């Protein structure tokens, strides 16, 4: 049962990262969770994965499991977002999203 509970908690955290990202990018959670290949959908998905990893402190594997994706996909997404952080405006924006996730109260 512990595994099921952990998976459910992981999914809730990833859902929160997806919701925060959807609000920040004025898109839908369906677009982020879907398989769309548009630049907008891919970017939103990468941001949500990054927020889950950095904001919630989740591993690539746990984020991947919660999203039904491969660990290497999450790693690629995080590297893609990190590469964009040289832009000061983007860095401030993504830092605000990270902080939003990090301040979500979680019952231990």
PDB file of N, CA and C in Angstrom:
ATOM      1  N   UNK A   1       0.808  -1.195   0.000  1.00  0.00           N
ATOM      2  CA  UNK A   1       0.000   0.000   0.000  1.00  0.00           C
ATOM      3  C   UNK A   1       0.851   1.260   0.000  1.00  0.00           C
ATOM      4  N   UNK A   2       2.046   1.187   0.599  1.00  0.00           N
ATOM      5  CA  UNK A   2       2.906   2.362   0.640  1.00  0.00           C
ATOM      6  C   UNK A   2       3.281   2.827  -0.759  1.00  0.00           C
ATOM      7  N   UNK A   3       3.515   1.888  -1.650  1.00  0.00           N
ATOM      8  CA  UNK A   3       3.864   2.240  -3.022  1.00  0.00           C
ATOM      9  C   UNK A   3       2.706   2.978  -3.684  1.00  0.00           C
ATOM     10  N   UNK A   4       1.488   2.483  -3.488  1.00  0.00           N
ATOM     11  CA  UNK A   4       0.307   3.147  -4.059  1.00  0.00           C
ATOM     12  C   UNK A   4       0.151   4.560  -3.504  1.00  0.00           C
ATOM     13  N   UNK A   5       0.374   4.703  -2.209  1.00  0.00           N
ATOM     14  CA  UNK A   5       0.254   6.016  -1.576  1.00  0.00           C
ATOM     15  C   UNK A   5       1.315   6.969  -2.109  1.00  0.00           C
ATOM     16  N   UNK A   6       2.538   6.475  -2.291  1.00  0.00           N
ATOM     17  CA  UNK A   6       3.604   7.321  -2.838  1.00  0.00           C
ATOM     18  C   UNK A   6       3.297   7.745  -4.261  1.00  0.00           C
ATOM     19  N   UNK A   7       2.809   6.811  -5.057  1.00  0.00           N
ATOM     20  CA  UNK A   7       2.449   7.138  -6.440  1.00  0.00           C
ATOM     21  C   UNK A   7       1.324   8.166  -6.493  1.00  0.00           C
ATOM     22  N   UNK A   8       0.357   8.039  -5.606  1.00  0.00           N
ATOM     23  CA  UNK A   8      -0.748   9.002  -5.552  1.00  0.00           C
ATOM     24  C   UNK A   8      -0.231  10.376  -5.135  1.00  0.00           C
ATOM     25  N   UNK A   9       0.668  10.416  -4.156  1.00  0.00           N
ATOM     26  CA  UNK A   9       1.241  11.690  -3.718  1.00  0.00           C
ATOM     27  C   UNK A   9       2.078  12.315  -4.835  1.00  0.00           C
ATOM     28  N   UNK A  10       2.842  11.492  -5.547  1.00  0.00           N
ATOM     29  CA  UNK A  10       3.627  11.996  -6.675  1.00  0.00           C
ATOM     30  C   UNK A  10       2.715  12.599  -7.736  1.00  0.00           C
ATOM     31  N   UNK A  11       1.629  11.899  -8.039  1.00  0.00           N
ATOM     32  CA  UNK A  11       0.703  12.384  -9.065  1.00  0.00           C
ATOM     33  C   UNK A  11       0.072  13.711  -8.643  1.00  0.00           C
ATOM     34  N   UNK A  12      -0.250  13.842  -7.354  1.00  0.00           N
ATOM     35  CA  UNK A  12      -0.832  15.103  -6.869  1.00  0.00           C
ATOM     36  C   UNK A  12       0.164  16.252  -7.014  1.00  0.00           C
ATOM     37  N   UNK A  13       1.422  16.003  -6.693  1.00  0.00           N
ATOM     38  CA  UNK A  13       2.436  17.055  -6.825  1.00  0.00           C
ATOM     39  C   UNK A  13       2.639  17.420  -8.293  1.00  0.00           C
ATOM     40  N   UNK A  14       2.703  16.430  -9.149  1.00  0.00           N
ATOM     41  CA  UNK A  14       2.860  16.705 -10.579  1.00  0.00           C
ATOM     42  C   UNK A  14       1.633  17.448 -11.111  1.00  0.00           C
ATOM     43  N   UNK A  15       0.450  17.052 -10.670  1.00  0.00           N
ATOM     44  CA  UNK A  15      -0.764  17.771 -11.076  1.00  0.00           C
ATOM     45  C   UNK A  15      -0.698  19.237 -10.661  1.00  0.00           C
ATOM     46  N   UNK A  16      -0.154  19.508  -9.479  1.00  0.00           N
ATOM     47  CA  UNK A  16      -0.009  20.885  -9.019  1.00  0.00           C
ATOM     48  C   UNK A  16       0.991  21.637  -9.904  1.00  0.00           C
ATOM     49  N   UNK A  17       2.095  21.005 -10.251  1.00  0.00           N
ATOM     50  CA  UNK A  17       3.078  21.628 -11.142  1.00  0.00           C
ATOM     51  C   UNK A  17       2.453  21.925 -12.498  1.00  0.00           C
ATOM     52  N   UNK A  18       1.649  20.993 -12.992  1.00  0.00           N
ATOM     53  CA  UNK A  18       0.961  21.190 -14.270  1.00  0.00           C
ATOM     54  C   UNK A  18      -0.030  22.356 -14.173  1.00  0.00           C
ATOM     55  N   UNK A  19      -0.789  22.415 -13.086  1.00  0.00           N
ATOM     56  CA  UNK A  19      -1.768  23.493 -12.899  1.00  0.00           C
ATOM     57  C   UNK A  19      -1.079  24.854 -12.787  1.00  0.00           C
ATOM     58  N   UNK A  20       0.007  24.924 -12.029  1.00  0.00           N
ATOM     59  CA  UNK A  20       0.751  26.181 -11.913  1.00  0.00           C
ATOM     60  C   UNK A  20       1.279  26.621 -13.274  1.00  0.00           C
ATOM     61  N   UNK A  21       1.808  25.675 -14.017  1.00  0.00           N
ATOM     62  CA  UNK A  21       2.345  25.974 -15.340  1.00  0.00           C
ATOM     63  C   UNK A  21       1.247  26.418 -16.292  1.00  0.00           C
ATOM     64  N   UNK A  22       0.126  25.731 -16.272  1.00  0.00           N
ATOM     65  CA  UNK A  22      -0.993  26.098 -17.152  1.00  0.00           C
ATOM     66  C   UNK A  22      -1.452  27.523 -16.855  1.00  0.00           C
ATOM     67  N   UNK A  23      -1.556  27.869 -15.588  1.00  0.00           N
ATOM     68  CA  UNK A  23      -1.972  29.225 -15.223  1.00  0.00           C
ATOM     69  C   UNK A  23      -0.936  30.251 -15.675  1.00  0.00           C
ATOM     70  N   UNK A  24       0.329  29.945 -15.464  1.00  0.00           N
ATOM     71  CA  UNK A  24       1.393  30.885 -15.821  1.00  0.00           C
ATOM     72  C   UNK A  24       1.517  31.088 -17.322  1.00  0.00           C
ATOM     73  N   UNK A  25       1.196  30.073 -18.096  1.00  0.00           N
ATOM     74  CA  UNK A  25       1.320  30.153 -19.556  1.00  0.00           C
ATOM     75  C   UNK A  25      -0.009  30.362 -20.271  1.00  0.00           C
ATOM     76  N   UNK A  26      -1.080  30.518 -19.494  1.00  0.00           N
ATOM     77  CA  UNK A  26      -2.414  30.708 -20.057  1.00  0.00           C
ATOM     78  C   UNK A  26      -2.748  29.610 -21.066  1.00  0.00           C
ATOM     79  N   UNK A  27      -2.600  28.383 -20.599  1.00  0.00           N
ATOM     80  CA  UNK A  27      -2.941  27.217 -21.408  1.00  0.00           C
ATOM     81  C   UNK A  27      -3.767  26.276 -20.536  1.00  0.00           C
ATOM     82  N   UNK A  28      -3.994  25.082 -21.014  1.00  0.00           N
ATOM     83  CA  UNK A  28      -4.813  24.133 -20.256  1.00  0.00           C
ATOM     84  C   UNK A  28      -3.956  22.976 -19.752  1.00  0.00           C
ATOM     85  N   UNK A  29      -4.445  22.364 -18.701  1.00  0.00           N
ATOM     86  CA  UNK A  29      -3.756  21.181 -18.193  1.00  0.00           C
ATOM     87  C   UNK A  29      -3.835  20.046 -19.216  1.00  0.00           C
ATOM     88  N   UNK A  30      -4.911  20.005 -19.982  1.00  0.00           N
ATOM     89  CA  UNK A  30      -5.036  18.975 -21.021  1.00  0.00           C
ATOM     90  C   UNK A  30      -3.938  19.111 -22.067  1.00  0.00           C
ATOM     91  N   UNK A  31      -3.605  20.350 -22.443  1.00  0.00           N
ATOM     92  CA  UNK A  31      -2.544  20.550 -23.426  1.00  0.00           C
ATOM     93  C   UNK A  31      -1.202  20.057 -22.863  1.00  0.00           C
ATOM     94  N   UNK A  32      -0.949  20.349 -21.601  1.00  0.00           N
ATOM     95  CA  UNK A  32       0.312  19.938 -20.983  1.00  0.00           C
ATOM     96  C   UNK A  32       0.366  18.418 -20.818  1.00  0.00           C
ATOM     97  N   UNK A  33      -0.713  17.821 -20.373  1.00  0.00           N
ATOM     98  CA  UNK A  33      -0.738  16.372 -20.146  1.00  0.00           C
ATOM     99  C   UNK A  33      -0.862  15.562 -21.429  1.00  0.00           C
ATOM    100  N   UNK A  34      -1.229  16.200 -22.506  1.00  0.00           N
ATOM    101  CA  UNK A  34      -1.434  15.491 -23.768  1.00  0.00           C
ATOM    102  C   UNK A  34      -0.138  15.127 -24.459  1.00  0.00           C
ATOM    103  N   UNK A  35      -0.276  14.687 -25.687  1.00  0.00           N
ATOM    104  CA  UNK A  35       0.880  14.282 -26.486  1.00  0.00           C
ATOM    105  C   UNK A  35       1.155  15.242 -27.625  1.00  0.00           C
ATOM    106  N   UNK A  36       0.556  16.444 -27.565  1.00  0.00           N
ATOM    107  CA  UNK A  36       0.750  17.424 -28.626  1.00  0.00           C
ATOM    108  C   UNK A  36       2.210  17.757 -28.830  1.00  0.00           C
ATOM    109  N   UNK A  37       2.583  18.007 -30.063  1.00  0.00           N
ATOM    110  CA  UNK A  37       3.979  18.289 -30.413  1.00  0.00           C
ATOM    111  C   UNK A  37       4.207  19.745 -30.809  1.00  0.00           C
ATOM    112  N   UNK A  38       3.194  20.590 -30.638  1.00  0.00           N
ATOM    113  CA  UNK A  38       3.393  21.999 -30.973  1.00  0.00           C
ATOM    114  C   UNK A  38       4.459  22.568 -30.047  1.00  0.00           C
ATOM    115  N   UNK A  39       5.119  23.612 -30.500  1.00  0.00           N
ATOM    116  CA  UNK A  39       6.151  24.259 -29.691  1.00  0.00           C
ATOM    117  C   UNK A  39       5.590  24.679 -28.343  1.00  0.00           C
ATOM    118  N   UNK A  40       4.382  25.203 -28.352  1.00  0.00           N
ATOM    119  CA  UNK A  40       3.734  25.670 -27.124  1.00  0.00           C
ATOM    120  C   UNK A  40       3.485  24.514 -26.151  1.00  0.00           C
ATOM    121  N   UNK A  41       2.965  23.409 -26.655  1.00  0.00           N
ATOM    122  CA  UNK A  41       2.665  22.258 -25.800  1.00  0.00           C
ATOM    123  C   UNK A  41       3.946  21.649 -25.231  1.00  0.00           C
ATOM    124  N   UNK A  42       4.957  21.511 -26.054  1.00  0.00           N
ATOM    125  CA  UNK A  42       6.219  20.922 -25.614  1.00  0.00           C
ATOM    126  C   UNK A  42       6.867  21.801 -24.550  1.00  0.00           C
ATOM    127  N   UNK A  43       6.884  23.120 -24.776  1.00  0.00           N
ATOM    128  CA  UNK A  43       7.469  24.037 -23.803  1.00  0.00           C
ATOM    129  C   UNK A  43       6.714  23.974 -22.474  1.00  0.00           C
ATOM    130  N   UNK A  44       5.403  24.005 -22.538  1.00  0.00           N
ATOM    131  CA  UNK A  44       4.593  23.946 -21.311  1.00  0.00           C
ATOM    132  C   UNK A  44       4.852  22.646 -20.554  1.00  0.00           C
ATOM    133  N   UNK A  45       4.946  21.546 -21.273  1.00  0.00           N
ATOM    134  CA  UNK A  45       5.212  20.248 -20.652  1.00  0.00           C
ATOM    135  C   UNK A  45       6.591  20.243 -19.984  1.00  0.00           C
ATOM    136  N   UNK A  46       7.584  20.824 -20.672  1.00  0.00           N
ATOM    137  CA  UNK A  46       8.926  20.893 -20.106  1.00  0.00           C
ATOM    138  C   UNK A  46       8.952  21.742 -18.836  1.00  0.00           C
ATOM    139  N   UNK A  47       8.250  22.861 -18.857  1.00  0.00           N
ATOM    140  CA  UNK A  47       8.189  23.716 -17.673  1.00  0.00           C
ATOM    141  C   UNK A  47       7.545  22.966 -16.512  1.00  0.00           C
ATOM    142  N   UNK A  48       6.449  22.285 -16.774  1.00  0.00           N
ATOM    143  CA  UNK A  48       5.761  21.546 -15.703  1.00  0.00           C
ATOM    144  C   UNK A  48       6.663  20.470 -15.111  1.00  0.00           C
ATOM    145  N   UNK A  49       7.391  19.757 -15.949  1.00  0.00           N
ATOM    146  CA  UNK A  49       8.319  18.739 -15.453  1.00  0.00           C
ATOM    147  C   UNK A  49       9.405  19.385 -14.600  1.00  0.00           C
ATOM    148  N   UNK A  50       9.931  20.494 -15.061  1.00  0.00           N
ATOM    149  CA  UNK A  50      10.972  21.204 -14.324  1.00  0.00           C
ATOM    150  C   UNK A  50      10.461  21.676 -12.969  1.00  0.00           C
ATOM    151  N   UNK A  51       9.280  22.240 -12.948  1.00  0.00           N
ATOM    152  CA  UNK A  51       8.701  22.716 -11.692  1.00  0.00           C
ATOM    153  C   UNK A  51       8.485  21.558 -10.718  1.00  0.00           C
ATOM    154  N   UNK A  52       8.069  20.423 -11.221  1.00  0.00           N
ATOM    155  CA  UNK A  52       7.893  19.256 -10.352  1.00  0.00           C
ATOM    156  C   UNK A  52       9.221  18.815  -9.753  1.00  0.00           C
ATOM    157  N   UNK A  53      10.268  18.805 -10.568  1.00  0.00           N
ATOM    158  CA  UNK A  53      11.585  18.367 -10.091  1.00  0.00           C
ATOM    159  C   UNK A  53      12.176  19.387  -9.120  1.00  0.00           C
ATOM    160  N   UNK A  54      12.209  20.643  -9.529  1.00  0.00           N
ATOM    161  CA  UNK A  54      12.895  21.656  -8.724  1.00  0.00           C
ATOM    162  C   UNK A  54      11.998  22.182  -7.597  1.00  0.00           C
ATOM    163  N   UNK A  55      10.768  22.496  -7.907  1.00  0.00           N
ATOM    164  CA  UNK A  55       9.872  23.070  -6.908  1.00  0.00           C
ATOM    165  C   UNK A  55       9.435  22.090  -5.840  1.00  0.00           C
ATOM    166  N   UNK A  56       9.199  20.849  -6.251  1.00  0.00           N
ATOM    167  CA  UNK A  56       8.756  19.832  -5.291  1.00  0.00           C
ATOM    168  C   UNK A  56       9.872  18.879  -4.886  1.00  0.00           C
ATOM    169  N   UNK A  57      11.056  19.032  -5.466  1.00  0.00           N
ATOM    170  CA  UNK A  57      12.185  18.183  -5.095  1.00  0.00           C
ATOM    171  C   UNK A  57      12.014  16.730  -5.497  1.00  0.00           C
ATOM    172  N   UNK A  58      11.267  16.497  -6.556  1.00  0.00           N
ATOM    173  CA  UNK A  58      11.029  15.124  -7.008  1.00  0.00           C
ATOM    174  C   UNK A  58      12.163  14.670  -7.934  1.00  0.00           C
ATOM    175  N   UNK A  59      12.409  13.377  -7.963  1.00  0.00           N
ATOM    176  CA  UNK A  59      13.414  12.835  -8.880  1.00  0.00           C
ATOM    177  C   UNK A  59      12.825  12.759 -10.286  1.00  0.00           C
ATOM    178  N   UNK A  60      13.721  12.669 -11.263  1.00  0.00           N
ATOM    179  CA  UNK A  60      13.275  12.499 -12.652  1.00  0.00           C
ATOM    180  C   UNK A  60      12.382  11.267 -12.770  1.00  0.00           C
ATOM    181  N   UNK A  61      12.795  10.193 -12.129  1.00  0.00           N
ATOM    182  CA  UNK A  61      12.059   8.931 -12.227  1.00  0.00           C
ATOM    183  C   UNK A  61      10.650   9.054 -11.644  1.00  0.00           C
ATOM    184  N   UNK A  62      10.529   9.742 -10.513  1.00  0.00           N
ATOM    185  CA  UNK A  62       9.207   9.884  -9.893  1.00  0.00           C
ATOM    186  C   UNK A  62       8.295  10.771 -10.742  1.00  0.00           C
ATOM    187  N   UNK A  63       8.836  11.839 -11.306  1.00  0.00           N
ATOM    188  CA  UNK A  63       8.032  12.699 -12.192  1.00  0.00           C
ATOM    189  C   UNK A  63       7.623  11.900 -13.418  1.00  0.00           C
ATOM    190  N   UNK A  64       8.554  11.165 -13.983  1.00  0.00           N
ATOM    191  CA  UNK A  64       8.261  10.346 -15.161  1.00  0.00           C
ATOM    192  C   UNK A  64       7.164   9.335 -14.870  1.00  0.00           C
ATOM    193  N   UNK A  65       7.265   8.674 -13.727  1.00  0.00           N
ATOM    194  CA  UNK A  65       6.250   7.688 -13.353  1.00  0.00           C
ATOM    195  C   UNK A  65       4.876   8.315 -13.197  1.00  0.00           C
ATOM    196  N   UNK A  66       4.828   9.497 -12.594  1.00  0.00           N
ATOM    197  CA  UNK A  66       3.541  10.174 -12.381  1.00  0.00           C
ATOM    198  C   UNK A  66       2.932  10.641 -13.698  1.00  0.00           C
ATOM    199  N   UNK A  67       3.777  10.953 -14.685  1.00  0.00           N
ATOM    200  CA  UNK A  67       3.279  11.427 -15.976  1.00  0.00           C
ATOM    201  C   UNK A  67       3.157  10.327 -17.019  1.00  0.00           C
ATOM    202  N   UNK A  68       3.623   9.137 -16.687  1.00  0.00           N
ATOM    203  CA  UNK A  68       3.591   8.054 -17.666  1.00  0.00           C
ATOM    204  C   UNK A  68       4.561   8.297 -18.814  1.00  0.00           C
ATOM    205  N   UNK A  69       5.699   8.891 -18.488  1.00  0.00           N
ATOM    206  CA  UNK A  69       6.722   9.187 -19.492  1.00  0.00           C
ATOM    207  C   UNK A  69       8.040   8.565 -19.051  1.00  0.00           C
ATOM    208  N   UNK A  70       9.026   8.653 -19.898  1.00  0.00           N
ATOM    209  CA  UNK A  70      10.334   8.086 -19.620  1.00  0.00           C
ATOM    210  C   UNK A  70      11.173   9.057 -18.790  1.00  0.00           C
ATOM    211  N   UNK A  71      12.022   8.520 -17.937  1.00  0.00           N
ATOM    212  CA  UNK A  71      12.907   9.337 -17.114  1.00  0.00           C
ATOM    213  C   UNK A  71      13.788  10.245 -17.967  1.00  0.00           C
ATOM    214  N   UNK A  72      14.253   9.745 -19.104  1.00  0.00           N
ATOM    215  CA  UNK A  72      15.124  10.551 -19.971  1.00  0.00           C
ATOM    216  C   UNK A  72      14.371  11.749 -20.553  1.00  0.00           C
ATOM    217  N   UNK A  73      13.069  11.631 -20.733  1.00  0.00           N
ATOM    218  CA  UNK A  73      12.255  12.749 -21.212  1.00  0.00           C
ATOM    219  C   UNK A  73      12.240  13.868 -20.171  1.00  0.00           C
ATOM    220  N   UNK A  74      12.099  13.501 -18.912  1.00  0.00           N
ATOM    221  CA  UNK A  74      12.091  14.486 -17.827  1.00  0.00           C
ATOM    222  C   UNK A  74      13.474  15.125 -17.709  1.00  0.00           C
ATOM    223  N   UNK A  75      14.521  14.333 -17.808  1.00  0.00           N
ATOM    224  CA  UNK A  75      15.885  14.868 -17.747  1.00  0.00           C
ATOM    225  C   UNK A  75      16.115  15.863 -18.883  1.00  0.00           C
ATOM    226  N   UNK A  76      15.678  15.509 -20.080  1.00  0.00           N
ATOM    227  CA  UNK A  76      15.819  16.405 -21.227  1.00  0.00           C
ATOM    228  C   UNK A  76      15.056  17.710 -20.993  1.00  0.00           C
ATOM    229  N   UNK A  77      13.848  17.606 -20.469  1.00  0.00           N
ATOM    230  CA  UNK A  77      13.034  18.793 -20.200  1.00  0.00           C
ATOM    231  C   UNK A  77      13.744  19.714 -19.211  1.00  0.00           C
ATOM    232  N   UNK A  78      14.274  19.154 -18.147  1.00  0.00           N
ATOM    233  CA  UNK A  78      14.956  19.958 -17.134  1.00  0.00           C
ATOM    234  C   UNK A  78      16.204  20.629 -17.698  1.00  0.00           C
ATOM    235  N   UNK A  79      16.944  19.917 -18.520  1.00  0.00           N
ATOM    236  CA  UNK A  79      18.125  20.516 -19.141  1.00  0.00           C
ATOM    237  C   UNK A  79      17.730  21.632 -20.103  1.00  0.00           C
ATOM    238  N   UNK A  80      16.654  21.438 -20.835  1.00  0.00           N
ATOM    239  CA  UNK A  80      16.183  22.471 -21.772  1.00  0.00           C
ATOM    240  C   UNK A  80      15.791  23.744 -21.020  1.00  0.00           C
ATOM    241  N   UNK A  81      15.125  23.600 -19.892  1.00  0.00           N
ATOM    242  CA  UNK A  81      14.726  24.766 -19.101  1.00  0.00           C
ATOM    243  C   UNK A  81      15.959  25.418 -18.477  1.00  0.00           C
ATOM    244  N   UNK A  82      16.863  24.630 -17.927  1.00  0.00           N
ATOM    245  CA  UNK A  82      18.101  25.180 -17.355  1.00  0.00           C
ATOM    246  C   UNK A  82      18.867  25.994 -18.386  1.00  0.00           C
ATOM    247  N   UNK A  83      18.907  25.512 -19.631  1.00  0.00           N
ATOM    248  CA  UNK A  83      19.615  26.219 -20.692  1.00  0.00           C
ATOM    249  C   UNK A  83      19.021  27.599 -20.971  1.00  0.00           C
ATOM    250  N   UNK A  84      17.740  27.770 -20.700  1.00  0.00           N
ATOM    251  CA  UNK A  84      17.071  29.052 -20.955  1.00  0.00           C
ATOM    252  C   UNK A  84      17.249  30.038 -19.803  1.00  0.00           C
ATOM    253  N   UNK A  85      17.782  29.591 -18.689  1.00  0.00           N
ATOM    254  CA  UNK A  85      17.881  30.444 -17.498  1.00  0.00           C
ATOM    255  C   UNK A  85      18.947  31.529 -17.613  1.00  0.00           C
ATOM    256  N   UNK A  86      19.723  31.519 -18.680  1.00  0.00           N
ATOM    257  CA  UNK A  86      20.686  32.605 -18.909  1.00  0.00           C
ATOM    258  C   UNK A  86      19.965  33.921 -19.202  1.00  0.00           C
ATOM    259  N   UNK A  87      18.756  33.822 -19.701  1.00  0.00           N
ATOM    260  CA  UNK A  87      17.923  35.003 -19.953  1.00  0.00           C
ATOM    261  C   UNK A  87      17.341  35.460 -18.611  1.00  0.00           C
ATOM    262  N   UNK A  88      17.692  36.665 -18.174  1.00  0.00           N
ATOM    263  CA  UNK A  88      17.302  37.158 -16.843  1.00  0.00           C
ATOM    264  C   UNK A  88      15.791  37.189 -16.650  1.00  0.00           C
ATOM    265  N   UNK A  89      15.069  37.579 -17.668  1.00  0.00           N
ATOM    266  CA  UNK A  89      13.607  37.642 -17.570  1.00  0.00           C
ATOM    267  C   UNK A  89      13.014  36.252 -17.384  1.00  0.00           C
ATOM    268  N   UNK A  90      13.484  35.312 -18.175  1.00  0.00           N
ATOM    269  CA  UNK A  90      13.013  33.934 -18.048  1.00  0.00           C
ATOM    270  C   UNK A  90      13.406  33.373 -16.688  1.00  0.00           C
ATOM    271  N   UNK A  91      14.613  33.667 -16.241  1.00  0.00           N
ATOM    272  CA  UNK A  91      15.084  33.172 -14.956  1.00  0.00           C
ATOM    273  C   UNK A  91      14.177  33.650 -13.817  1.00  0.00           C
ATOM    274  N   UNK A  92      13.792  34.920 -13.844  1.00  0.00           N
ATOM    275  CA  UNK A  92      12.887  35.438 -12.806  1.00  0.00           C
ATOM    276  C   UNK A  92      11.536  34.744 -12.874  1.00  0.00           C
ATOM    277  N   UNK A  93      11.029  34.528 -14.078  1.00  0.00           N
ATOM    278  CA  UNK A  93       9.721  33.907 -14.268  1.00  0.00           C
ATOM    279  C   UNK A  93       9.721  32.466 -13.748  1.00  0.00           C
ATOM    280  N   UNK A  94      10.715  31.698 -14.136  1.00  0.00           N
ATOM    281  CA  UNK A  94      10.752  30.292 -13.723  1.00  0.00           C
ATOM    282  C   UNK A  94      11.045  30.190 -12.222  1.00  0.00           C
ATOM    283  N   UNK A  95      11.838  31.117 -11.681  1.00  0.00           N
ATOM    284  CA  UNK A  95      12.097  31.120 -10.241  1.00  0.00           C
ATOM    285  C   UNK A  95      10.805  31.365  -9.461  1.00  0.00           C
ATOM    286  N   UNK A  96       9.942  32.215  -9.983  1.00  0.00           N
ATOM    287  CA  UNK A  96       8.654  32.471  -9.328  1.00  0.00           C
ATOM    288  C   UNK A  96       7.788  31.213  -9.346  1.00  0.00           C
ATOM    289  N   UNK A  97       7.802  30.487 -10.443  1.00  0.00           N
ATOM    290  CA  UNK A  97       7.053  29.226 -10.500  1.00  0.00           C
ATOM    291  C   UNK A  97       7.621  28.207  -9.519  1.00  0.00           C
ATOM    292  N   UNK A  98       8.936  28.093  -9.471  1.00  0.00           N
ATOM    293  CA  UNK A  98       9.577  27.184  -8.516  1.00  0.00           C
ATOM    294  C   UNK A  98       9.137  27.528  -7.097  1.00  0.00           C
ATOM    295  N   UNK A  99       9.184  28.815  -6.776  1.00  0.00           N
ATOM    296  CA  UNK A  99       8.818  29.265  -5.430  1.00  0.00           C
ATOM    297  C   UNK A  99       7.346  28.953  -5.130  1.00  0.00           C
ATOM    298  N   UNK A 100       6.498  29.121  -6.125  1.00  0.00           N
ATOM    299  CA  UNK A 100       5.091  28.800  -5.936  1.00  0.00           C
ATOM    300  C   UNK A 100       4.913  27.333  -5.549  1.00  0.00           C
ATOM    301  N   UNK A 101       5.614  26.459  -6.240  1.00  0.00           N
ATOM    302  CA  UNK A 101       5.537  25.034  -5.932  1.00  0.00           C
ATOM    303  C   UNK A 101       6.138  24.741  -4.568  1.00  0.00           C
ATOM    304  N   UNK A 102       7.259  25.366  -4.278  1.00  0.00           N
ATOM    305  CA  UNK A 102       7.958  25.097  -3.030  1.00  0.00           C
ATOM    306  C   UNK A 102       7.169  25.541  -1.803  1.00  0.00           C
ATOM    307  N   UNK A 103       6.248  26.477  -1.975  1.00  0.00           N
ATOM    308  CA  UNK A 103       5.503  26.979  -0.825  1.00  0.00           C
ATOM    309  C   UNK A 103       4.133  26.323  -0.660  1.00  0.00           C
ATOM    310  N   UNK A 104       3.823  25.348  -1.508  1.00  0.00           N
ATOM    311  CA  UNK A 104       2.581  24.605  -1.334  1.00  0.00           C
ATOM    312  C   UNK A 104       2.695  23.777  -0.064  1.00  0.00           C
ATOM    313  N   UNK A 105       1.781  23.972   0.880  1.00  0.00           N
ATOM    314  CA  UNK A 105       1.877  23.188   2.115  1.00  0.00           C
ATOM    315  C   UNK A 105       1.573  21.707   1.862  1.00  0.00           C
ATOM    316  N   UNK A 106       2.447  20.867   2.364  1.00  0.00           N
ATOM    317  CA  UNK A 106       2.288  19.428   2.178  1.00  0.00           C
ATOM    318  C   UNK A 106       2.245  18.774   3.555  1.00  0.00           C
ATOM    319  N   UNK A 107       1.253  17.939   3.764  1.00  0.00           N
ATOM    320  CA  UNK A 107       1.144  17.200   5.017  1.00  0.00           C
ATOM    321  C   UNK A 107       2.078  16.003   4.942  1.00  0.00           C
ATOM    322  N   UNK A 108       2.937  15.874   5.896  1.00  0.00           N
ATOM    323  CA  UNK A 108       3.917  14.783   5.879  1.00  0.00           C
ATOM    324  C   UNK A 108       3.314  13.500   6.386  1.00  0.00           C
TER     325      UNK A 108
END
